[in-house]
């Protein structure tokens, strides 16, 4: 009914490489830029965006009789 699993050596090497990624990690200029971008610049930009737009929009639902435009 079912056959045995045929393992692909390339997939097995990839899985092993992903499993030991922390052992093979090297700081390069590319990895440093990515850490700076996603670990520092992106959260700072997101915080600034949230702080700058705090209270500028009313996101509650309108009820019957209320205008859909803000005045």
C-alpha atoms as a PDB file:
ATOM      1  CA  UNK A   1       0.000   0.000   0.000  1.00  0.00           C
ATOM      2  CA  UNK A   2       2.537   2.641   1.044  1.00  0.00           C
ATOM      3  CA  UNK A   3       6.131   2.793  -0.040  1.00  0.00           C
ATOM      4  CA  UNK A   4       9.055   3.695   2.157  1.00  0.00           C
ATOM      5  CA  UNK A   5      10.125   7.310   2.349  1.00  0.00           C
ATOM      6  CA  UNK A   6      12.822   8.242  -0.143  1.00  0.00           C
ATOM      7  CA  UNK A   7      15.035  10.909   1.399  1.00  0.00           C
ATOM      8  CA  UNK A   8      16.521  13.555  -0.841  1.00  0.00           C
ATOM      9  CA  UNK A   9      20.157  14.173   0.157  1.00  0.00           C
ATOM     10  CA  UNK A  10      19.978  17.848  -0.838  1.00  0.00           C
ATOM     11  CA  UNK A  11      16.982  18.440   1.424  1.00  0.00           C
ATOM     12  CA  UNK A  12      18.669  16.587   4.264  1.00  0.00           C
ATOM     13  CA  UNK A  13      21.795  18.785   3.917  1.00  0.00           C
ATOM     14  CA  UNK A  14      19.615  21.914   3.887  1.00  0.00           C
ATOM     15  CA  UNK A  15      17.747  20.800   7.027  1.00  0.00           C
ATOM     16  CA  UNK A  16      21.037  20.094   8.789  1.00  0.00           C
ATOM     17  CA  UNK A  17      22.407  23.494   7.750  1.00  0.00           C
ATOM     18  CA  UNK A  18      19.276  25.252   9.065  1.00  0.00           C
ATOM     19  CA  UNK A  19      19.477  23.275  12.302  1.00  0.00           C
ATOM     20  CA  UNK A  20      23.089  24.412  12.940  1.00  0.00           C
ATOM     21  CA  UNK A  21      22.678  27.970  11.672  1.00  0.00           C
ATOM     22  CA  UNK A  22      23.749  29.566  14.951  1.00  0.00           C
ATOM     23  CA  UNK A  23      27.059  27.678  14.812  1.00  0.00           C
ATOM     24  CA  UNK A  24      27.859  28.811  11.272  1.00  0.00           C
ATOM     25  CA  UNK A  25      26.767  32.446  11.606  1.00  0.00           C
ATOM     26  CA  UNK A  26      29.325  35.099  10.681  1.00  0.00           C
ATOM     27  CA  UNK A  27      29.010  38.851  11.055  1.00  0.00           C
ATOM     28  CA  UNK A  28      29.360  40.327   7.595  1.00  0.00           C
ATOM     29  CA  UNK A  29      28.544  43.783   6.336  1.00  0.00           C
ATOM     30  CA  UNK A  30      25.265  42.462   4.917  1.00  0.00           C
ATOM     31  CA  UNK A  31      24.174  40.787   8.160  1.00  0.00           C
ATOM     32  CA  UNK A  32      25.165  43.888  10.145  1.00  0.00           C
ATOM     33  CA  UNK A  33      23.062  46.107   7.881  1.00  0.00           C
ATOM     34  CA  UNK A  34      20.084  43.759   8.167  1.00  0.00           C
ATOM     35  CA  UNK A  35      20.307  43.652  11.965  1.00  0.00           C
ATOM     36  CA  UNK A  36      20.545  47.445  12.072  1.00  0.00           C
ATOM     37  CA  UNK A  37      17.601  47.824   9.708  1.00  0.00           C
ATOM     38  CA  UNK A  38      15.185  45.289  11.202  1.00  0.00           C
ATOM     39  CA  UNK A  39      16.385  45.467  14.808  1.00  0.00           C
ATOM     40  CA  UNK A  40      16.814  49.222  15.219  1.00  0.00           C
ATOM     41  CA  UNK A  41      15.590  51.390  12.329  1.00  0.00           C
ATOM     42  CA  UNK A  42      12.289  49.584  11.692  1.00  0.00           C
ATOM     43  CA  UNK A  43      11.100  49.626  15.335  1.00  0.00           C
ATOM     44  CA  UNK A  44      12.127  53.283  15.710  1.00  0.00           C
ATOM     45  CA  UNK A  45      10.255  54.213  12.519  1.00  0.00           C
ATOM     46  CA  UNK A  46       7.201  52.244  13.650  1.00  0.00           C
ATOM     47  CA  UNK A  47       7.267  53.967  17.053  1.00  0.00           C
ATOM     48  CA  UNK A  48       7.577  57.389  15.402  1.00  0.00           C
ATOM     49  CA  UNK A  49       4.655  56.615  13.069  1.00  0.00           C
ATOM     50  CA  UNK A  50       2.489  55.503  15.989  1.00  0.00           C
ATOM     51  CA  UNK A  51       3.450  58.540  18.083  1.00  0.00           C
ATOM     52  CA  UNK A  52       2.947  61.024  15.228  1.00  0.00           C
ATOM     53  CA  UNK A  53      -0.516  59.732  14.333  1.00  0.00           C
ATOM     54  CA  UNK A  54      -1.847  59.228  17.866  1.00  0.00           C
ATOM     55  CA  UNK A  55      -5.384  60.617  18.071  1.00  0.00           C
ATOM     56  CA  UNK A  56      -5.523  61.981  14.521  1.00  0.00           C
ATOM     57  CA  UNK A  57      -8.185  59.594  13.258  1.00  0.00           C
ATOM     58  CA  UNK A  58     -11.458  58.536  14.780  1.00  0.00           C
ATOM     59  CA  UNK A  59     -11.794  54.851  13.985  1.00  0.00           C
ATOM     60  CA  UNK A  60     -15.020  54.115  15.808  1.00  0.00           C
ATOM     61  CA  UNK A  61     -18.084  53.047  13.867  1.00  0.00           C
ATOM     62  CA  UNK A  62     -20.713  55.583  12.943  1.00  0.00           C
ATOM     63  CA  UNK A  63     -24.239  55.233  14.242  1.00  0.00           C
ATOM     64  CA  UNK A  64     -27.515  56.069  12.559  1.00  0.00           C
ATOM     65  CA  UNK A  65     -27.936  59.782  12.087  1.00  0.00           C
ATOM     66  CA  UNK A  66     -24.236  60.661  12.212  1.00  0.00           C
ATOM     67  CA  UNK A  67     -22.495  62.125   9.212  1.00  0.00           C
ATOM     68  CA  UNK A  68     -19.854  59.914   7.632  1.00  0.00           C
ATOM     69  CA  UNK A  69     -17.569  62.909   7.158  1.00  0.00           C
ATOM     70  CA  UNK A  70     -15.576  64.464   9.982  1.00  0.00           C
ATOM     71  CA  UNK A  71     -16.230  68.160  10.613  1.00  0.00           C
END
